C-alpha atoms as a PDB file:
ATOM      1  CA  MET A   1      32.664 -12.641  57.562  1.00  0.00           C
ATOM      2  CA  PRO A   2      33.911 -11.231  53.476  1.00  0.00           C
ATOM      3  CA  GLY A   3      38.115 -12.316  55.844  1.00  0.00           C
ATOM      4  CA  LEU A   4      35.986 -15.903  56.709  1.00  0.00           C
ATOM      5  CA  LYS A   5      34.735 -16.363  52.942  1.00  0.00           C
ATOM      6  CA  SER A   6      37.930 -15.290  51.158  1.00  0.00           C
ATOM      7  CA  LEU A   7      39.877 -17.594  53.768  1.00  0.00           C
ATOM      8  CA  LEU A   8      37.867 -20.044  52.584  1.00  0.00           C
ATOM      9  CA  VAL A   9      36.656 -19.602  49.127  1.00  0.00           C
ATOM     10  CA  LEU A  10      40.383 -20.091  47.335  1.00  0.00           C
ATOM     11  CA  PRO A  11      40.755 -23.871  49.793  1.00  0.00           C
ATOM     12  CA  LEU A  12      37.040 -24.518  48.137  1.00  0.00           C
ATOM     13  CA  LYS A  13      38.001 -24.056  44.716  1.00  0.00           C
ATOM     14  CA  LYS A  14      41.196 -25.885  44.755  1.00  0.00           C
ATOM     15  CA  LEU A  15      40.118 -28.661  45.802  1.00  0.00           C
ATOM     16  CA  LEU A  16      36.910 -28.670  43.317  1.00  0.00           C
ATOM     17  CA  ARG A  17      39.110 -28.180  40.835  1.00  0.00           C
ATOM     18  CA  LEU A  18      40.971 -31.294  41.744  1.00  0.00           C
ATOM     19  CA  SER A  19      37.411 -33.398  42.178  1.00  0.00           C
ATOM     20  CA  ALA A  20      36.828 -32.462  38.222  1.00  0.00           C
ATOM     21  CA  GLY A  21      39.384 -33.449  37.202  1.00  0.00           C
ATOM     22  CA  LEU A  22      39.738 -36.943  38.732  1.00  0.00           C
ATOM     23  CA  HIS A  23      35.102 -36.989  37.137  1.00  0.00           C
ATOM     24  CA  GLU A  24      36.615 -35.904  34.177  1.00  0.00           C
ATOM     25  CA  SER A  25      39.742 -39.036  33.444  1.00  0.00           C
ATOM     26  CA  SER A  26      36.712 -41.094  35.172  1.00  0.00           C
ATOM     27  CA  ARG A  27      34.505 -41.087  32.667  1.00  0.00           C
ATOM     28  CA  ARG A  28      36.897 -40.945  29.667  1.00  0.00           C
ATOM     29  CA  LEU A  29      38.136 -44.592  31.134  1.00  0.00           C
ATOM     30  CA  TRP A  30      35.606 -45.648  31.110  1.00  0.00           C
ATOM     31  CA  SER A  31      34.410 -44.523  28.157  1.00  0.00           C
ATOM     32  CA  HIS A  32      36.669 -46.065  26.406  1.00  0.00           C
ATOM     33  CA  ALA A  33      36.601 -49.371  28.289  1.00  0.00           C
ATOM     34  CA  SER A  34      32.971 -49.618  27.492  1.00  0.00           C
ATOM     35  CA  LEU A  35      33.807 -48.604  23.349  1.00  0.00           C
ATOM     36  CA  ALA A  36      36.054 -51.392  23.267  1.00  0.00           C
ATOM     37  CA  ALA A  37      33.808 -54.456  24.746  1.00  0.00           C
ATOM     38  CA  GLN A  38      31.876 -52.909  21.922  1.00  0.00           C
ATOM     39  CA  LEU A  39      34.399 -54.110  18.886  1.00  0.00           C
ATOM     40  CA  ARG A  40      35.279 -57.098  17.439  1.00  0.00           C
ATOM     41  CA  ASN A  41      39.399 -55.809  17.109  1.00  0.00           C
ATOM     42  CA  PRO A  42      41.833 -54.484  19.819  1.00  0.00           C
ATOM     43  CA  LEU A  43      40.877 -51.150  20.712  1.00  0.00           C
ATOM     44  CA  PRO A  44      44.721 -48.372  20.897  1.00  0.00           C
ATOM     45  CA  PRO A  45      45.212 -46.702  24.329  1.00  0.00           C
ATOM     46  CA  SER A  46      46.046 -43.449  22.521  1.00  0.00           C
ATOM     47  CA  VAL A  47      42.154 -42.652  21.526  1.00  0.00           C
ATOM     48  CA  VAL A  48      40.076 -40.353  23.901  1.00  0.00           C
ATOM     49  CA  VAL A  49      36.448 -41.393  24.568  1.00  0.00           C
ATOM     50  CA  LEU A  50      35.343 -38.146  25.111  1.00  0.00           C
ATOM     51  CA  GLY A  51      31.670 -40.101  25.743  1.00  0.00           C
ATOM     52  CA  ARG A  52      29.420 -42.618  25.449  1.00  0.00           C
ATOM     53  CA  VAL A  53      29.924 -43.939  21.610  1.00  0.00           C
ATOM     54  CA  TRP A  54      27.478 -46.489  20.254  1.00  0.00           C
ATOM     55  CA  VAL A  55      27.967 -49.984  18.055  1.00  0.00           C
ATOM     56  CA  TYR A  56      25.641 -52.122  16.613  1.00  0.00           C
ATOM     57  CA  GLY A  57      25.932 -54.945  14.174  1.00  0.00           C
ATOM     58  CA  THR A  58      29.101 -56.986  13.208  1.00  0.00           C
ATOM     59  CA  ARG A  59      31.266 -54.280  15.059  1.00  0.00           C
ATOM     60  CA  SER A  60      33.883 -55.089  12.771  1.00  0.00           C
ATOM     61  CA  VAL A  61      35.630 -50.967  13.073  1.00  0.00           C
ATOM     62  CA  ARG A  62      39.352 -50.360  13.631  1.00  0.00           C
ATOM     63  CA  PHE A  63      40.936 -47.709  14.946  1.00  0.00           C
ATOM     64  CA  GLY A  64      43.510 -45.741  14.100  1.00  0.00           C
ATOM     65  CA  ARG A  65      45.822 -44.341  17.125  1.00  0.00           C
ATOM     66  CA  ASP A  66      45.649 -41.095  18.942  1.00  0.00           C
ATOM     67  CA  VAL A  67      41.550 -40.566  17.463  1.00  0.00           C
ATOM     68  CA  LEU A  68      39.592 -38.217  19.576  1.00  0.00           C
ATOM     69  CA  ILE A  69      35.714 -38.734  19.516  1.00  0.00           C
ATOM     70  CA  TYR A  70      33.302 -35.954  21.042  1.00  0.00           C
ATOM     71  CA  PRO A  71      30.298 -37.950  22.158  1.00  0.00           C
ATOM     72  CA  ASP A  72      27.357 -40.021  20.828  1.00  0.00           C
ATOM     73  CA  LEU A  73      29.199 -41.536  17.307  1.00  0.00           C
ATOM     74  CA  HIS A  74      26.868 -44.003  16.066  1.00  0.00           C
ATOM     75  CA  LEU A  75      29.263 -47.115  14.379  1.00  0.00           C
ATOM     76  CA  GLU A  76      27.431 -49.608  12.485  1.00  0.00           C
ATOM     77  CA  THR A  77      29.311 -52.407   9.955  1.00  0.00           C
ATOM     78  CA  GLN A  78      26.157 -54.848   9.242  1.00  0.00           C
ATOM     79  CA  GLU A  79      27.652 -58.358   6.767  1.00  0.00           C
ATOM     80  CA  GLN A  80      30.814 -58.424   5.802  1.00  0.00           C
ATOM     81  CA  ALA A  81      31.209 -54.557   5.775  1.00  0.00           C
ATOM     82  CA  SER A  82      34.518 -52.901   7.963  1.00  0.00           C
ATOM     83  CA  ILE A  83      35.401 -49.895   9.560  1.00  0.00           C
ATOM     84  CA  ALA A  84      38.530 -48.869   9.023  1.00  0.00           C
ATOM     85  CA  ILE A  85      39.571 -45.254  10.620  1.00  0.00           C
ATOM     86  CA  GLY A  86      43.296 -43.902  10.364  1.00  0.00           C
ATOM     87  CA  HIS A  87      45.456 -42.258  13.055  1.00  0.00           C
ATOM     88  CA  SER A  88      44.822 -39.065  14.750  1.00  0.00           C
ATOM     89  CA  VAL A  89      41.222 -38.540  12.771  1.00  0.00           C
ATOM     90  CA  VAL A  90      38.434 -36.446  15.378  1.00  0.00           C
ATOM     91  CA  PHE A  91      34.998 -38.053  15.606  1.00  0.00           C
ATOM     92  CA  SER A  92      32.487 -33.898  16.422  1.00  0.00           C
ATOM     93  CA  ARG A  93      29.528 -34.570  18.168  1.00  0.00           C
ATOM     94  CA  GLY A  94      26.376 -37.184  16.604  1.00  0.00           C
ATOM     95  CA  VAL A  95      29.180 -38.275  14.118  1.00  0.00           C
ATOM     96  CA  HIS A  96      26.928 -42.209  12.186  1.00  0.00           C
ATOM     97  CA  LEU A  97      29.401 -44.098   9.907  1.00  0.00           C
ATOM     98  CA  VAL A  98      26.354 -46.852   8.145  1.00  0.00           C
ATOM     99  CA  ALA A  99      28.757 -49.514   6.654  1.00  0.00           C
ATOM    100  CA  MET A 100      27.524 -51.903   4.943  1.00  0.00           C
ATOM    101  CA  ALA A 101      30.545 -52.438   1.676  1.00  0.00           C
ATOM    102  CA  GLY A 102      33.074 -50.495   3.273  1.00  0.00           C
ATOM    103  CA  ILE A 103      34.076 -46.653   5.027  1.00  0.00           C
ATOM    104  CA  THR A 104      38.084 -46.047   4.954  1.00  0.00           C
ATOM    105  CA  ILE A 105      38.406 -42.919   6.387  1.00  0.00           C
ATOM    106  CA  GLY A 106      42.333 -41.896   5.718  1.00  0.00           C
ATOM    107  CA  GLU A 107      44.887 -40.060   9.230  1.00  0.00           C
ATOM    108  CA  GLY A 108      44.644 -36.511  10.102  1.00  0.00           C
ATOM    109  CA  THR A 109      41.069 -36.680   8.891  1.00  0.00           C
ATOM    110  CA  MET A 110      38.003 -33.786  10.631  1.00  0.00           C
ATOM    111  CA  ILE A 111      34.254 -34.678  10.638  1.00  0.00           C
ATOM    112  CA  GLY A 112      32.106 -31.970  12.371  1.00  0.00           C
ATOM    113  CA  GLU A 113      28.902 -32.308  14.426  1.00  0.00           C
ATOM    114  CA  TYR A 114      26.271 -35.101  12.766  1.00  0.00           C
ATOM    115  CA  SER A 115      27.158 -35.715   9.720  1.00  0.00           C
ATOM    116  CA  SER A 116      25.872 -39.174   7.965  1.00  0.00           C
ATOM    117  CA  ILE A 117      28.324 -41.333   5.956  1.00  0.00           C
ATOM    118  CA  ARG A 118      26.478 -44.139   4.810  1.00  0.00           C
ATOM    119  CA  ASP A 119      27.138 -46.064   1.906  1.00  0.00           C
ATOM    120  CA  ALA A 120      24.152 -47.698   1.678  1.00  0.00           C
ATOM    121  CA  ASN A 121      20.653 -45.922   0.568  1.00  0.00           C
ATOM    122  CA  HIS A 122      17.557 -48.253   0.133  1.00  0.00           C
ATOM    123  CA  ALA A 123      15.812 -49.751  -2.475  1.00  0.00           C
ATOM    124  CA  ARG A 124      12.935 -50.802  -4.022  1.00  0.00           C
ATOM    125  CA  ARG A 125      10.868 -53.408  -5.604  1.00  0.00           C
ATOM    126  CA  GLU A 126       7.493 -53.718  -6.703  1.00  0.00           C
ATOM    127  CA  GLY A 127       5.127 -55.085  -4.381  1.00  0.00           C
ATOM    128  CA  VAL A 128       7.585 -54.984  -1.266  1.00  0.00           C
ATOM    129  CA  PRO A 129       7.977 -53.158   1.445  1.00  0.00           C
ATOM    130  CA  MET A 130      10.745 -50.146   1.252  1.00  0.00           C
ATOM    131  CA  ARG A 131      12.002 -52.310   4.397  1.00  0.00           C
ATOM    132  CA  ASP A 132      11.983 -55.472   3.855  1.00  0.00           C
ATOM    133  CA  ALA A 133      13.237 -54.925  -0.372  1.00  0.00           C
ATOM    134  CA  GLY A 134      17.048 -54.941   0.250  1.00  0.00           C
ATOM    135  CA  HIS A 135      19.322 -51.764   0.209  1.00  0.00           C
ATOM    136  CA  THR A 136      22.398 -51.101  -2.491  1.00  0.00           C
ATOM    137  CA  ALA A 137      25.278 -50.561  -1.490  1.00  0.00           C
ATOM    138  CA  LYS A 138      29.055 -49.401  -2.211  1.00  0.00           C
ATOM    139  CA  PRO A 139      32.006 -48.249  -0.500  1.00  0.00           C
ATOM    140  CA  ILE A 140      33.037 -45.098   1.034  1.00  0.00           C
ATOM    141  CA  VAL A 141      36.906 -43.380   0.994  1.00  0.00           C
ATOM    142  CA  ILE A 142      38.006 -40.637   3.069  1.00  0.00           C
ATOM    143  CA  GLY A 143      41.436 -39.427   2.538  1.00  0.00           C
ATOM    144  CA  SER A 144      44.340 -38.053   4.625  1.00  0.00           C
ATOM    145  CA  GLU A 145      43.509 -34.251   6.118  1.00  0.00           C
ATOM    146  CA  VAL A 146      40.028 -34.089   4.366  1.00  0.00           C
ATOM    147  CA  TRP A 147      38.233 -31.559   6.633  1.00  0.00           C
ATOM    148  CA  ILE A 148      34.062 -32.585   6.881  1.00  0.00           C
ATOM    149  CA  GLY A 149      31.659 -29.533   8.240  1.00  0.00           C
ATOM    150  CA  ARG A 150      29.060 -30.278  10.163  1.00  0.00           C
ATOM    151  CA  GLY A 151      25.988 -31.910   8.768  1.00  0.00           C
ATOM    152  CA  VAL A 152      27.532 -33.432   5.666  1.00  0.00           C
ATOM    153  CA  THR A 153      25.851 -36.319   4.171  1.00  0.00           C
ATOM    154  CA  ILE A 154      28.077 -39.237   1.552  1.00  0.00           C
ATOM    155  CA  LEU A 155      26.420 -41.486   0.362  1.00  0.00           C
ATOM    156  CA  GLY A 156      27.907 -44.598  -1.149  1.00  0.00           C
ATOM    157  CA  GLY A 157      30.331 -45.203  -4.350  1.00  0.00           C
ATOM    158  CA  VAL A 158      32.344 -41.573  -2.669  1.00  0.00           C
ATOM    159  CA  THR A 159      36.234 -41.007  -3.273  1.00  0.00           C
ATOM    160  CA  ILE A 160      37.192 -37.892  -1.299  1.00  0.00           C
ATOM    161  CA  GLY A 161      40.569 -37.380  -1.712  1.00  0.00           C
ATOM    162  CA  ASP A 162      43.499 -36.149   0.219  1.00  0.00           C
ATOM    163  CA  GLY A 163      43.247 -32.223   1.526  1.00  0.00           C
ATOM    164  CA  ALA A 164      40.029 -31.548   0.401  1.00  0.00           C
ATOM    165  CA  THR A 165      37.407 -29.259   2.817  1.00  0.00           C
ATOM    166  CA  VAL A 166      32.912 -30.762   2.772  1.00  0.00           C
ATOM    167  CA  GLY A 167      31.592 -28.122   3.183  1.00  0.00           C
ATOM    168  CA  ALA A 168      28.619 -27.541   6.164  1.00  0.00           C
ATOM    169  CA  ASN A 169      25.160 -29.163   5.563  1.00  0.00           C
ATOM    170  CA  ALA A 170      26.582 -30.302   2.493  1.00  0.00           C
ATOM    171  CA  VAL A 171      25.032 -33.411  -0.029  1.00  0.00           C
ATOM    172  CA  VAL A 172      28.138 -35.054  -1.456  1.00  0.00           C
ATOM    173  CA  THR A 173      27.018 -37.490  -4.205  1.00  0.00           C
ATOM    174  CA  LYS A 174      30.022 -37.486  -6.298  1.00  0.00           C
ATOM    175  CA  ASP A 175      33.755 -37.670  -5.808  1.00  0.00           C
ATOM    176  CA  VAL A 176      35.743 -34.833  -4.898  1.00  0.00           C
ATOM    177  CA  PRO A 177      38.667 -34.587  -6.669  1.00  0.00           C
ATOM    178  CA  ALA A 178      42.552 -34.089  -3.716  1.00  0.00           C
ATOM    179  CA  GLY A 179      42.587 -30.371  -1.902  1.00  0.00           C
ATOM    180  CA  ALA A 180      38.938 -29.441  -4.174  1.00  0.00           C
ATOM    181  CA  ILE A 181      36.463 -27.278  -1.701  1.00  0.00           C
ATOM    182  CA  VAL A 182      33.497 -28.586  -2.600  1.00  0.00           C
ATOM    183  CA  ALA A 183      29.373 -27.191  -1.107  1.00  0.00           C
ATOM    184  CA  GLY A 184      25.576 -27.134  -1.624  1.00  0.00           C
ATOM    185  CA  VAL A 185      23.206 -29.447  -1.973  1.00  0.00           C
ATOM    186  CA  PRO A 186      24.895 -31.305  -4.655  1.00  0.00           C
ATOM    187  CA  ALA A 187      28.155 -30.946  -3.752  1.00  0.00           C
ATOM    188  CA  LYS A 188      29.907 -28.666  -6.169  1.00  0.00           C
ATOM    189  CA  PRO A 189      33.437 -27.359  -6.349  1.00  0.00           C
ATOM    190  CA  ILE A 190      33.466 -24.005  -5.050  1.00  0.00           C
ATOM    191  CA  ARG A 191      37.691 -24.209  -5.775  1.00  0.00           C
ATOM    192  CA  GLN A 192      40.885 -26.131  -5.745  1.00  0.00           C
ATOM    193  CA  LEU A 193      43.295 -25.106  -2.604  1.00  0.00           C
ATOM    194  CA  VAL A 194      46.761 -24.718  -4.359  1.00  0.00           C
ATOM    195  CA  THR A 195      49.676 -26.852  -3.533  1.00  0.00           C
ATOM    196  CA  GLU A 196      52.826 -24.981  -2.376  1.00  0.00           C
ATOM    197  CA  PRO A 197      55.654 -26.504  -4.889  1.00  0.00           C
END
């Protein structure tokens, strides 16, 4: 009996590997088509979509080439705002981007799981429920080759320079210079990267 089992396992293993590869390819195709159908702008064919992406509002989002998207990306644009994503950006699972003024992300930037990038805050007006009091919004600009750790929050009006690193769970309330490493709540510089001449 062990000889028969050995004879059957190898072909069965090959069949399962083949079907898993086909399943993964069809899931990526479906996810890409689903995202493309939700956007106002064309989605480059080189964008790899590994799972469901949620798009809300005016759907004014533009992707560069070779972007990698893990599941559960949340994209929302309101009013005249748009989200512009450069080439080769990586969005890890569960990232949220909400734009009411505008969000720009430079080429090669990597954004860690469950990070939140929101350019607006709720306003408060006396006698008006917060839900109806409107908001204030300022654009966010994230440079190229920026590394944003897991669980980071980036608030409106912030510019993060090229090559900067934002530590996990930081809350970024002020501009981050190019090449800086920041961490904490609120995020503060902990080191400056030295670039070779």
